[in-house]
Amino acid sequence: MTGKTEQTTAAAAEALGYEQARDELIEVVRRLEAGGTTLEESLALWERGEELAKVCRRWLDGARARLDAALAEEAEAADSEEPE
């Protein structure tokens, strides 16, 4: 891939939702495990899988951050309601 093509592909991957990226990643892994592809095709699939895994990780990290923030707010609210 050329640098511009890689940037375009990465940008397209970033636009995917978690479920879309996960489902495509599952398909990429299935195709790699099945074999029967050329070395060039396998490398392209591997690179796509890496991009998709990063997208999934960012979604999961974001979800974890939101959950942590919500739990922290809940804990602060509970602390401020306790009588002194």
PDB file of N, CA and C in Angstrom:
ATOM      1  N   MET A   1       0.823  -1.186   0.000  1.00  0.00           N
ATOM      2  CA  MET A   1       0.000   0.000   0.000  1.00  0.00           C
ATOM      3  C   MET A   1       0.864   1.244   0.000  1.00  0.00           C
ATOM      4  N   THR A   2       0.340   2.270  -0.623  1.00  0.00           N
ATOM      5  CA  THR A   2       1.059   3.534  -0.587  1.00  0.00           C
ATOM      6  C   THR A   2       0.687   4.267   0.681  1.00  0.00           C
ATOM      7  N   GLY A   3       1.457   5.272   1.017  1.00  0.00           N
ATOM      8  CA  GLY A   3       1.187   6.044   2.221  1.00  0.00           C
ATOM      9  C   GLY A   3      -0.194   6.661   2.209  1.00  0.00           C
ATOM     10  N   LYS A   4      -0.608   7.205   1.062  1.00  0.00           N
ATOM     11  CA  LYS A   4      -1.927   7.833   0.961  1.00  0.00           C
ATOM     12  C   LYS A   4      -3.035   6.798   1.116  1.00  0.00           C
ATOM     13  N   THR A   5      -2.867   5.627   0.513  1.00  0.00           N
ATOM     14  CA  THR A   5      -3.863   4.566   0.635  1.00  0.00           C
ATOM     15  C   THR A   5      -3.972   4.098   2.077  1.00  0.00           C
ATOM     16  N   GLU A   6      -2.846   3.978   2.769  1.00  0.00           N
ATOM     17  CA  GLU A   6      -2.855   3.570   4.169  1.00  0.00           C
ATOM     18  C   GLU A   6      -3.602   4.587   5.018  1.00  0.00           C
ATOM     19  N   GLN A   7      -3.391   5.879   4.750  1.00  0.00           N
ATOM     20  CA  GLN A   7      -4.081   6.927   5.503  1.00  0.00           C
ATOM     21  C   GLN A   7      -5.582   6.868   5.253  1.00  0.00           C
ATOM     22  N   THR A   8      -5.981   6.650   4.007  1.00  0.00           N
ATOM     23  CA  THR A   8      -7.393   6.568   3.666  1.00  0.00           C
ATOM     24  C   THR A   8      -8.035   5.368   4.345  1.00  0.00           C
ATOM     25  N   THR A   9      -7.349   4.225   4.315  1.00  0.00           N
ATOM     26  CA  THR A   9      -7.863   3.015   4.942  1.00  0.00           C
ATOM     27  C   THR A   9      -7.966   3.197   6.454  1.00  0.00           C
ATOM     28  N   ALA A  10      -6.968   3.801   7.056  1.00  0.00           N
ATOM     29  CA  ALA A  10      -6.989   4.034   8.503  1.00  0.00           C
ATOM     30  C   ALA A  10      -8.121   4.992   8.867  1.00  0.00           C
ATOM     31  N   ALA A  11      -8.332   6.020   8.067  1.00  0.00           N
ATOM     32  CA  ALA A  11      -9.416   6.963   8.329  1.00  0.00           C
ATOM     33  C   ALA A  11     -10.772   6.274   8.218  1.00  0.00           C
ATOM     34  N   ALA A  12     -10.913   5.391   7.239  1.00  0.00           N
ATOM     35  CA  ALA A  12     -12.160   4.642   7.090  1.00  0.00           C
ATOM     36  C   ALA A  12     -12.383   3.732   8.287  1.00  0.00           C
ATOM     37  N   ALA A  13     -11.331   3.119   8.787  1.00  0.00           N
ATOM     38  CA  ALA A  13     -11.448   2.244   9.960  1.00  0.00           C
ATOM     39  C   ALA A  13     -11.873   3.050  11.179  1.00  0.00           C
ATOM     40  N   GLU A  14     -11.363   4.266  11.306  1.00  0.00           N
ATOM     41  CA  GLU A  14     -11.707   5.114  12.448  1.00  0.00           C
ATOM     42  C   GLU A  14     -13.196   5.452  12.467  1.00  0.00           C
ATOM     43  N   ALA A  15     -13.832   5.497  11.300  1.00  0.00           N
ATOM     44  CA  ALA A  15     -15.240   5.859  11.209  1.00  0.00           C
ATOM     45  C   ALA A  15     -16.162   4.713  11.614  1.00  0.00           C
ATOM     46  N   LEU A  16     -15.624   3.526  11.776  1.00  0.00           N
ATOM     47  CA  LEU A  16     -16.438   2.363  12.114  1.00  0.00           C
ATOM     48  C   LEU A  16     -16.859   2.393  13.577  1.00  0.00           C
ATOM     49  N   GLY A  17     -18.055   1.896  13.830  1.00  0.00           N
ATOM     50  CA  GLY A  17     -18.489   1.679  15.202  1.00  0.00           C
ATOM     51  C   GLY A  17     -17.821   0.426  15.734  1.00  0.00           C
ATOM     52  N   TYR A  18     -17.949   0.221  17.039  1.00  0.00           N
ATOM     53  CA  TYR A  18     -17.305  -0.936  17.658  1.00  0.00           C
ATOM     54  C   TYR A  18     -17.782  -2.247  17.036  1.00  0.00           C
ATOM     55  N   GLU A  19     -19.088  -2.418  16.939  1.00  0.00           N
ATOM     56  CA  GLU A  19     -19.629  -3.679  16.433  1.00  0.00           C
ATOM     57  C   GLU A  19     -19.209  -3.936  14.997  1.00  0.00           C
ATOM     58  N   GLN A  20     -19.185  -2.883  14.183  1.00  0.00           N
ATOM     59  CA  GLN A  20     -18.749  -3.040  12.789  1.00  0.00           C
ATOM     60  C   GLN A  20     -17.293  -3.472  12.728  1.00  0.00           C
ATOM     61  N   ALA A  21     -16.445  -2.801  13.501  1.00  0.00           N
ATOM     62  CA  ALA A  21     -15.017  -3.133  13.501  1.00  0.00           C
ATOM     63  C   ALA A  21     -14.796  -4.547  14.022  1.00  0.00           C
ATOM     64  N   ARG A  22     -15.508  -4.912  15.089  1.00  0.00           N
ATOM     65  CA  ARG A  22     -15.377  -6.254  15.660  1.00  0.00           C
ATOM     66  C   ARG A  22     -15.800  -7.324  14.655  1.00  0.00           C
ATOM     67  N   ASP A  23     -16.931  -7.101  14.000  1.00  0.00           N
ATOM     68  CA  ASP A  23     -17.422  -8.089  13.035  1.00  0.00           C
ATOM     69  C   ASP A  23     -16.463  -8.249  11.854  1.00  0.00           C
ATOM     70  N   GLU A  24     -15.928  -7.116  11.379  1.00  0.00           N
ATOM     71  CA  GLU A  24     -14.971  -7.207  10.273  1.00  0.00           C
ATOM     72  C   GLU A  24     -13.683  -7.889  10.729  1.00  0.00           C
ATOM     73  N   LEU A  25     -13.267  -7.608  11.954  1.00  0.00           N
ATOM     74  CA  LEU A  25     -12.068  -8.250  12.490  1.00  0.00           C
ATOM     75  C   LEU A  25     -12.263  -9.764  12.591  1.00  0.00           C
ATOM     76  N   ILE A  26     -13.424 -10.187  13.015  1.00  0.00           N
ATOM     77  CA  ILE A  26     -13.725 -11.626  13.076  1.00  0.00           C
ATOM     78  C   ILE A  26     -13.608 -12.245  11.688  1.00  0.00           C
ATOM     79  N   GLU A  27     -14.118 -11.556  10.684  1.00  0.00           N
ATOM     80  CA  GLU A  27     -14.042 -12.067   9.312  1.00  0.00           C
ATOM     81  C   GLU A  27     -12.594 -12.130   8.820  1.00  0.00           C
ATOM     82  N   VAL A  28     -11.804 -11.119   9.150  1.00  0.00           N
ATOM     83  CA  VAL A  28     -10.391 -11.105   8.762  1.00  0.00           C
ATOM     84  C   VAL A  28      -9.666 -12.301   9.385  1.00  0.00           C
ATOM     85  N   VAL A  29      -9.899 -12.524  10.669  1.00  0.00           N
ATOM     86  CA  VAL A  29      -9.251 -13.650  11.358  1.00  0.00           C
ATOM     87  C   VAL A  29      -9.690 -14.972  10.728  1.00  0.00           C
ATOM     88  N   ARG A  30     -10.985 -15.095  10.443  1.00  0.00           N
ATOM     89  CA  ARG A  30     -11.488 -16.321   9.816  1.00  0.00           C
ATOM     90  C   ARG A  30     -10.787 -16.579   8.492  1.00  0.00           C
ATOM     91  N   ARG A  31     -10.639 -15.537   7.679  1.00  0.00           N
ATOM     92  CA  ARG A  31      -9.987 -15.694   6.378  1.00  0.00           C
ATOM     93  C   ARG A  31      -8.514 -16.060   6.529  1.00  0.00           C
ATOM     94  N   LEU A  32      -7.842 -15.447   7.494  1.00  0.00           N
ATOM     95  CA  LEU A  32      -6.432 -15.780   7.721  1.00  0.00           C
ATOM     96  C   LEU A  32      -6.280 -17.219   8.205  1.00  0.00           C
ATOM     97  N   GLU A  33      -7.155 -17.630   9.098  1.00  0.00           N
ATOM     98  CA  GLU A  33      -7.072 -18.993   9.617  1.00  0.00           C
ATOM     99  C   GLU A  33      -7.406 -20.032   8.552  1.00  0.00           C
ATOM    100  N   ALA A  34      -8.294 -19.680   7.628  1.00  0.00           N
ATOM    101  CA  ALA A  34      -8.688 -20.617   6.574  1.00  0.00           C
ATOM    102  C   ALA A  34      -7.552 -20.864   5.584  1.00  0.00           C
ATOM    103  N   GLY A  35      -6.664 -19.879   5.454  1.00  0.00           N
ATOM    104  CA  GLY A  35      -5.552 -20.009   4.517  1.00  0.00           C
ATOM    105  C   GLY A  35      -6.023 -19.879   3.084  1.00  0.00           C
ATOM    106  N   GLY A  36      -5.179 -20.305   2.168  1.00  0.00           N
ATOM    107  CA  GLY A  36      -5.529 -20.259   0.757  1.00  0.00           C
ATOM    108  C   GLY A  36      -5.362 -18.897   0.121  1.00  0.00           C
ATOM    109  N   THR A  37      -4.754 -17.953   0.836  1.00  0.00           N
ATOM    110  CA  THR A  37      -4.516 -16.641   0.257  1.00  0.00           C
ATOM    111  C   THR A  37      -3.027 -16.501  -0.066  1.00  0.00           C
ATOM    112  N   THR A  38      -2.746 -15.593  -0.963  1.00  0.00           N
ATOM    113  CA  THR A  38      -1.350 -15.339  -1.302  1.00  0.00           C
ATOM    114  C   THR A  38      -0.682 -14.603  -0.140  1.00  0.00           C
ATOM    115  N   LEU A  39       0.621 -14.544  -0.192  1.00  0.00           N
ATOM    116  CA  LEU A  39       1.358 -13.818   0.842  1.00  0.00           C
ATOM    117  C   LEU A  39       0.916 -12.363   0.868  1.00  0.00           C
ATOM    118  N   GLU A  40       0.783 -11.760  -0.296  1.00  0.00           N
ATOM    119  CA  GLU A  40       0.371 -10.347  -0.365  1.00  0.00           C
ATOM    120  C   GLU A  40      -1.025 -10.157   0.226  1.00  0.00           C
ATOM    121  N   GLU A  41      -1.945 -11.057  -0.092  1.00  0.00           N
ATOM    122  CA  GLU A  41      -3.305 -10.972   0.459  1.00  0.00           C
ATOM    123  C   GLU A  41      -3.287 -11.171   1.974  1.00  0.00           C
ATOM    124  N   SER A  42      -2.492 -12.112   2.427  1.00  0.00           N
ATOM    125  CA  SER A  42      -2.387 -12.367   3.860  1.00  0.00           C
ATOM    126  C   SER A  42      -1.830 -11.155   4.598  1.00  0.00           C
ATOM    127  N   LEU A  43      -0.826 -10.517   4.027  1.00  0.00           N
ATOM    128  CA  LEU A  43      -0.264  -9.317   4.651  1.00  0.00           C
ATOM    129  C   LEU A  43      -1.287  -8.192   4.700  1.00  0.00           C
ATOM    130  N   ALA A  44      -2.042  -8.020   3.616  1.00  0.00           N
ATOM    131  CA  ALA A  44      -3.076  -6.984   3.586  1.00  0.00           C
ATOM    132  C   ALA A  44      -4.152  -7.276   4.633  1.00  0.00           C
ATOM    133  N   LEU A  45      -4.539  -8.542   4.755  1.00  0.00           N
ATOM    134  CA  LEU A  45      -5.522  -8.915   5.770  1.00  0.00           C
ATOM    135  C   LEU A  45      -4.977  -8.657   7.170  1.00  0.00           C
ATOM    136  N   TRP A  46      -3.726  -9.011   7.396  1.00  0.00           N
ATOM    137  CA  TRP A  46      -3.105  -8.791   8.701  1.00  0.00           C
ATOM    138  C   TRP A  46      -3.098  -7.302   9.055  1.00  0.00           C
ATOM    139  N   GLU A  47      -2.705  -6.471   8.091  1.00  0.00           N
ATOM    140  CA  GLU A  47      -2.670  -5.026   8.326  1.00  0.00           C
ATOM    141  C   GLU A  47      -4.068  -4.492   8.631  1.00  0.00           C
ATOM    142  N   ARG A  48      -5.069  -4.966   7.900  1.00  0.00           N
ATOM    143  CA  ARG A  48      -6.445  -4.538   8.154  1.00  0.00           C
ATOM    144  C   ARG A  48      -6.871  -4.992   9.550  1.00  0.00           C
ATOM    145  N   GLY A  49      -6.506  -6.205   9.906  1.00  0.00           N
ATOM    146  CA  GLY A  49      -6.841  -6.703  11.231  1.00  0.00           C
ATOM    147  C   GLY A  49      -6.220  -5.862  12.335  1.00  0.00           C
ATOM    148  N   GLU A  50      -4.981  -5.439  12.129  1.00  0.00           N
ATOM    149  CA  GLU A  50      -4.317  -4.574  13.114  1.00  0.00           C
ATOM    150  C   GLU A  50      -5.067  -3.253  13.255  1.00  0.00           C
ATOM    151  N   GLU A  51      -5.479  -2.664  12.136  1.00  0.00           N
ATOM    152  CA  GLU A  51      -6.234  -1.405  12.176  1.00  0.00           C
ATOM    153  C   GLU A  51      -7.553  -1.593  12.920  1.00  0.00           C
ATOM    154  N   LEU A  52      -8.241  -2.675  12.608  1.00  0.00           N
ATOM    155  CA  LEU A  52      -9.530  -2.943  13.246  1.00  0.00           C
ATOM    156  C   LEU A  52      -9.372  -3.199  14.737  1.00  0.00           C
ATOM    157  N   ALA A  53      -8.318  -3.905  15.114  1.00  0.00           N
ATOM    158  CA  ALA A  53      -8.064  -4.160  16.535  1.00  0.00           C
ATOM    159  C   ALA A  53      -7.823  -2.844  17.275  1.00  0.00           C
ATOM    160  N   LYS A  54      -7.114  -1.910  16.648  1.00  0.00           N
ATOM    161  CA  LYS A  54      -6.878  -0.602  17.269  1.00  0.00           C
ATOM    162  C   LYS A  54      -8.184   0.156  17.450  1.00  0.00           C
ATOM    163  N   VAL A  55      -9.055   0.091  16.444  1.00  0.00           N
ATOM    164  CA  VAL A  55     -10.355   0.758  16.541  1.00  0.00           C
ATOM    165  C   VAL A  55     -11.146   0.171  17.712  1.00  0.00           C
ATOM    166  N   CYS A  56     -11.184  -1.148  17.798  1.00  0.00           N
ATOM    167  CA  CYS A  56     -11.902  -1.807  18.897  1.00  0.00           C
ATOM    168  C   CYS A  56     -11.314  -1.410  20.244  1.00  0.00           C
ATOM    169  N   ARG A  57      -9.991  -1.385  20.341  1.00  0.00           N
ATOM    170  CA  ARG A  57      -9.335  -1.022  21.595  1.00  0.00           C
ATOM    171  C   ARG A  57      -9.690   0.411  22.001  1.00  0.00           C
ATOM    172  N   ARG A  58      -9.707   1.331  21.028  1.00  0.00           N
ATOM    173  CA  ARG A  58     -10.067   2.719  21.350  1.00  0.00           C
ATOM    174  C   ARG A  58     -11.510   2.811  21.856  1.00  0.00           C
ATOM    175  N   TRP A  59     -12.425   2.078  21.212  1.00  0.00           N
ATOM    176  CA  TRP A  59     -13.815   2.068  21.666  1.00  0.00           C
ATOM    177  C   TRP A  59     -13.898   1.522  23.099  1.00  0.00           C
ATOM    178  N   LEU A  60     -13.212   0.431  23.350  1.00  0.00           N
ATOM    179  CA  LEU A  60     -13.263  -0.171  24.684  1.00  0.00           C
ATOM    180  C   LEU A  60     -12.609   0.720  25.736  1.00  0.00           C
ATOM    181  N   ASP A  61     -11.494   1.344  25.377  1.00  0.00           N
ATOM    182  CA  ASP A  61     -10.844   2.273  26.310  1.00  0.00           C
ATOM    183  C   ASP A  61     -11.758   3.456  26.616  1.00  0.00           C
ATOM    184  N   GLY A  62     -12.445   3.958  25.583  1.00  0.00           N
ATOM    185  CA  GLY A  62     -13.385   5.056  25.789  1.00  0.00           C
ATOM    186  C   GLY A  62     -14.543   4.655  26.681  1.00  0.00           C
ATOM    187  N   ALA A  63     -15.053   3.457  26.477  1.00  0.00           N
ATOM    188  CA  ALA A  63     -16.143   2.964  27.312  1.00  0.00           C
ATOM    189  C   ALA A  63     -15.679   2.827  28.754  1.00  0.00           C
ATOM    190  N   ARG A  64     -14.466   2.317  28.957  1.00  0.00           N
ATOM    191  CA  ARG A  64     -13.921   2.165  30.303  1.00  0.00           C
ATOM    192  C   ARG A  64     -13.767   3.533  30.967  1.00  0.00           C
ATOM    193  N   ALA A  65     -13.296   4.521  30.231  1.00  0.00           N
ATOM    194  CA  ALA A  65     -13.125   5.861  30.794  1.00  0.00           C
ATOM    195  C   ALA A  65     -14.474   6.448  31.210  1.00  0.00           C
ATOM    196  N   ARG A  66     -15.496   6.245  30.372  1.00  0.00           N
ATOM    197  CA  ARG A  66     -16.836   6.749  30.705  1.00  0.00           C
ATOM    198  C   ARG A  66     -17.388   6.052  31.941  1.00  0.00           C
ATOM    199  N   LEU A  67     -17.183   4.743  32.025  1.00  0.00           N
ATOM    200  CA  LEU A  67     -17.648   3.988  33.184  1.00  0.00           C
ATOM    201  C   LEU A  67     -16.925   4.443  34.445  1.00  0.00           C
ATOM    202  N   ASP A  68     -15.614   4.608  34.354  1.00  0.00           N
ATOM    203  CA  ASP A  68     -14.841   5.070  35.510  1.00  0.00           C
ATOM    204  C   ASP A  68     -15.311   6.452  35.962  1.00  0.00           C
ATOM    205  N   ALA A  69     -15.579   7.346  35.003  1.00  0.00           N
ATOM    206  CA  ALA A  69     -16.044   8.688  35.345  1.00  0.00           C
ATOM    207  C   ALA A  69     -17.407   8.635  36.025  1.00  0.00           C
ATOM    208  N   ALA A  70     -18.297   7.803  35.512  1.00  0.00           N
ATOM    209  CA  ALA A  70     -19.624   7.677  36.111  1.00  0.00           C
ATOM    210  C   ALA A  70     -19.525   7.111  37.523  1.00  0.00           C
ATOM    211  N   LEU A  71     -18.683   6.117  37.724  1.00  0.00           N
ATOM    212  CA  LEU A  71     -18.506   5.540  39.057  1.00  0.00           C
ATOM    213  C   LEU A  71     -17.891   6.548  40.020  1.00  0.00           C
ATOM    214  N   ALA A  72     -16.966   7.363  39.539  1.00  0.00           N
ATOM    215  CA  ALA A  72     -16.346   8.385  40.382  1.00  0.00           C
ATOM    216  C   ALA A  72     -17.381   9.430  40.788  1.00  0.00           C
ATOM    217  N   GLU A  73     -18.234   9.823  39.859  1.00  0.00           N
ATOM    218  CA  GLU A  73     -19.291  10.792  40.179  1.00  0.00           C
ATOM    219  C   GLU A  73     -20.247  10.218  41.215  1.00  0.00           C
ATOM    220  N   GLU A  74     -20.592   8.954  41.040  1.00  0.00           N
ATOM    221  CA  GLU A  74     -21.493   8.294  41.982  1.00  0.00           C
ATOM    222  C   GLU A  74     -20.869   8.240  43.371  1.00  0.00           C
ATOM    223  N   ALA A  75     -19.586   7.920  43.429  1.00  0.00           N
ATOM    224  CA  ALA A  75     -18.891   7.855  44.718  1.00  0.00           C
ATOM    225  C   ALA A  75     -18.828   9.234  45.367  1.00  0.00           C
ATOM    226  N   GLU A  76     -18.573  10.276  44.577  1.00  0.00           N
ATOM    227  CA  GLU A  76     -18.535  11.644  45.115  1.00  0.00           C
ATOM    228  C   GLU A  76     -19.900  12.052  45.646  1.00  0.00           C
ATOM    229  N   ALA A  77     -20.937  11.696  44.905  1.00  0.00           N
ATOM    230  CA  ALA A  77     -22.300  12.042  45.354  1.00  0.00           C
ATOM    231  C   ALA A  77     -22.626  11.326  46.651  1.00  0.00           C
ATOM    232  N   ALA A  78     -22.245  10.062  46.766  1.00  0.00           N
ATOM    233  CA  ALA A  78     -22.503   9.294  47.976  1.00  0.00           C
ATOM    234  C   ALA A  78     -21.731   9.876  49.157  1.00  0.00           C
ATOM    235  N   ASP A  79     -20.484  10.302  48.915  1.00  0.00           N
ATOM    236  CA  ASP A  79     -19.678  10.891  49.986  1.00  0.00           C
ATOM    237  C   ASP A  79     -20.273  12.218  50.464  1.00  0.00           C
ATOM    238  N   SER A  80     -20.813  13.005  49.539  1.00  0.00           N
ATOM    239  CA  SER A  80     -21.344  14.312  49.925  1.00  0.00           C
ATOM    240  C   SER A  80     -22.691  14.178  50.638  1.00  0.00           C
ATOM    241  N   GLU A  81     -23.375  13.030  50.506  1.00  0.00           N
ATOM    242  CA  GLU A  81     -24.664  12.817  51.162  1.00  0.00           C
ATOM    243  C   GLU A  81     -24.513  12.268  52.568  1.00  0.00           C
ATOM    244  N   GLU A  82     -23.346  11.740  52.923  1.00  0.00           N
ATOM    245  CA  GLU A  82     -23.143  11.169  54.255  1.00  0.00           C
ATOM    246  C   GLU A  82     -23.140  12.269  55.299  1.00  0.00           C
ATOM    247  N   PRO A  83     -23.879  12.049  56.413  1.00  0.00           N
ATOM    248  CA  PRO A  83     -23.861  13.055  57.490  1.00  0.00           C
ATOM    249  C   PRO A  83     -22.507  13.062  58.193  1.00  0.00           C
ATOM    250  N   GLU A  84     -22.134  14.225  58.636  1.00  0.00           N
ATOM    251  CA  GLU A  84     -20.837  14.348  59.325  1.00  0.00           C
ATOM    252  C   GLU A  84     -20.974  14.222  60.796  1.00  0.00           C
TER     253      GLU A  84
END
